[in-house]
């Protein structure tokens, strides 16, 4: 997902979370 929580911002946007 393009929009992810700040915590998930460290990982690629393609990440599941």
PDB file of N, CA and C in Angstrom:
ATOM      1  N   UNK A   1       0.850  -1.216   0.000  1.00  0.00           N
ATOM      2  CA  UNK A   1       0.000   0.000   0.000  1.00  0.00           C
ATOM      3  C   UNK A   1       0.877   1.254   0.000  1.00  0.00           C
ATOM      4  N   UNK A   2       0.445   2.261  -0.738  1.00  0.00           N
ATOM      5  CA  UNK A   2       1.218   3.507  -0.800  1.00  0.00           C
ATOM      6  C   UNK A   2       1.196   4.231   0.546  1.00  0.00           C
ATOM      7  N   UNK A   3       0.021   4.235   1.177  1.00  0.00           N
ATOM      8  CA  UNK A   3      -0.120   4.937   2.462  1.00  0.00           C
ATOM      9  C   UNK A   3       0.071   3.968   3.616  1.00  0.00           C
ATOM     10  N   UNK A   4       1.156   4.177   4.364  1.00  0.00           N
ATOM     11  CA  UNK A   4       1.447   3.294   5.488  1.00  0.00           C
ATOM     12  C   UNK A   4       1.777   4.114   6.723  1.00  0.00           C
ATOM     13  N   UNK A   5       1.594   3.541   7.915  1.00  0.00           N
ATOM     14  CA  UNK A   5       1.900   4.238   9.174  1.00  0.00           C
ATOM     15  C   UNK A   5       3.351   4.712   9.212  1.00  0.00           C
ATOM     16  N   UNK A   6       3.648   5.665  10.049  1.00  0.00           N
ATOM     17  CA  UNK A   6       5.001   6.214  10.153  1.00  0.00           C
ATOM     18  C   UNK A   6       6.022   5.121  10.434  1.00  0.00           C
ATOM     19  N   UNK A   7       5.623   4.127  11.233  1.00  0.00           N
ATOM     20  CA  UNK A   7       6.529   3.034  11.591  1.00  0.00           C
ATOM     21  C   UNK A   7       6.901   2.230  10.350  1.00  0.00           C
ATOM     22  N   UNK A   8       5.939   2.042   9.456  1.00  0.00           N
ATOM     23  CA  UNK A   8       6.170   1.256   8.242  1.00  0.00           C
ATOM     24  C   UNK A   8       6.885   2.077   7.175  1.00  0.00           C
ATOM     25  N   UNK A   9       7.070   3.360   7.440  1.00  0.00           N
ATOM     26  CA  UNK A   9       7.728   4.243   6.465  1.00  0.00           C
ATOM     27  C   UNK A   9       9.182   3.812   6.239  1.00  0.00           C
ATOM     28  N   UNK A  10       9.743   3.093   7.228  1.00  0.00           N
ATOM     29  CA  UNK A  10      11.131   2.649   7.109  1.00  0.00           C
ATOM     30  C   UNK A  10      11.268   1.542   6.060  1.00  0.00           C
ATOM     31  N   UNK A  11      10.187   0.793   5.876  1.00  0.00           N
ATOM     32  CA  UNK A  11      10.223  -0.310   4.913  1.00  0.00           C
ATOM     33  C   UNK A  11       9.617   0.129   3.587  1.00  0.00           C
ATOM     34  N   UNK A  12       9.876  -0.612   2.498  1.00  0.00           N
ATOM     35  CA  UNK A  12       9.339  -0.289   1.181  1.00  0.00           C
ATOM     36  C   UNK A  12       7.825  -0.184   1.216  1.00  0.00           C
ATOM     37  N   UNK A  13       7.259   0.679   0.355  1.00  0.00           N
ATOM     38  CA  UNK A  13       5.811   0.853   0.309  1.00  0.00           C
ATOM     39  C   UNK A  13       5.106  -0.417  -0.143  1.00  0.00           C
ATOM     40  N   UNK A  14       5.885  -1.317  -0.760  1.00  0.00           N
ATOM     41  CA  UNK A  14       5.335  -2.575  -1.239  1.00  0.00           C
ATOM     42  C   UNK A  14       5.103  -3.550  -0.080  1.00  0.00           C
ATOM     43  N   UNK A  15       5.581  -3.164   1.115  1.00  0.00           N
ATOM     44  CA  UNK A  15       5.459  -4.031   2.285  1.00  0.00           C
ATOM     45  C   UNK A  15       3.993  -4.330   2.607  1.00  0.00           C
ATOM     46  N   UNK A  16       3.748  -5.491   3.203  1.00  0.00           N
ATOM     47  CA  UNK A  16       2.380  -5.898   3.532  1.00  0.00           C
ATOM     48  C   UNK A  16       1.790  -4.952   4.573  1.00  0.00           C
ATOM     49  N   UNK A  17       2.603  -4.619   5.572  1.00  0.00           N
ATOM     50  CA  UNK A  17       2.092  -3.742   6.637  1.00  0.00           C
ATOM     51  C   UNK A  17       2.309  -2.294   6.253  1.00  0.00           C
TER      52      UNK A  17
END
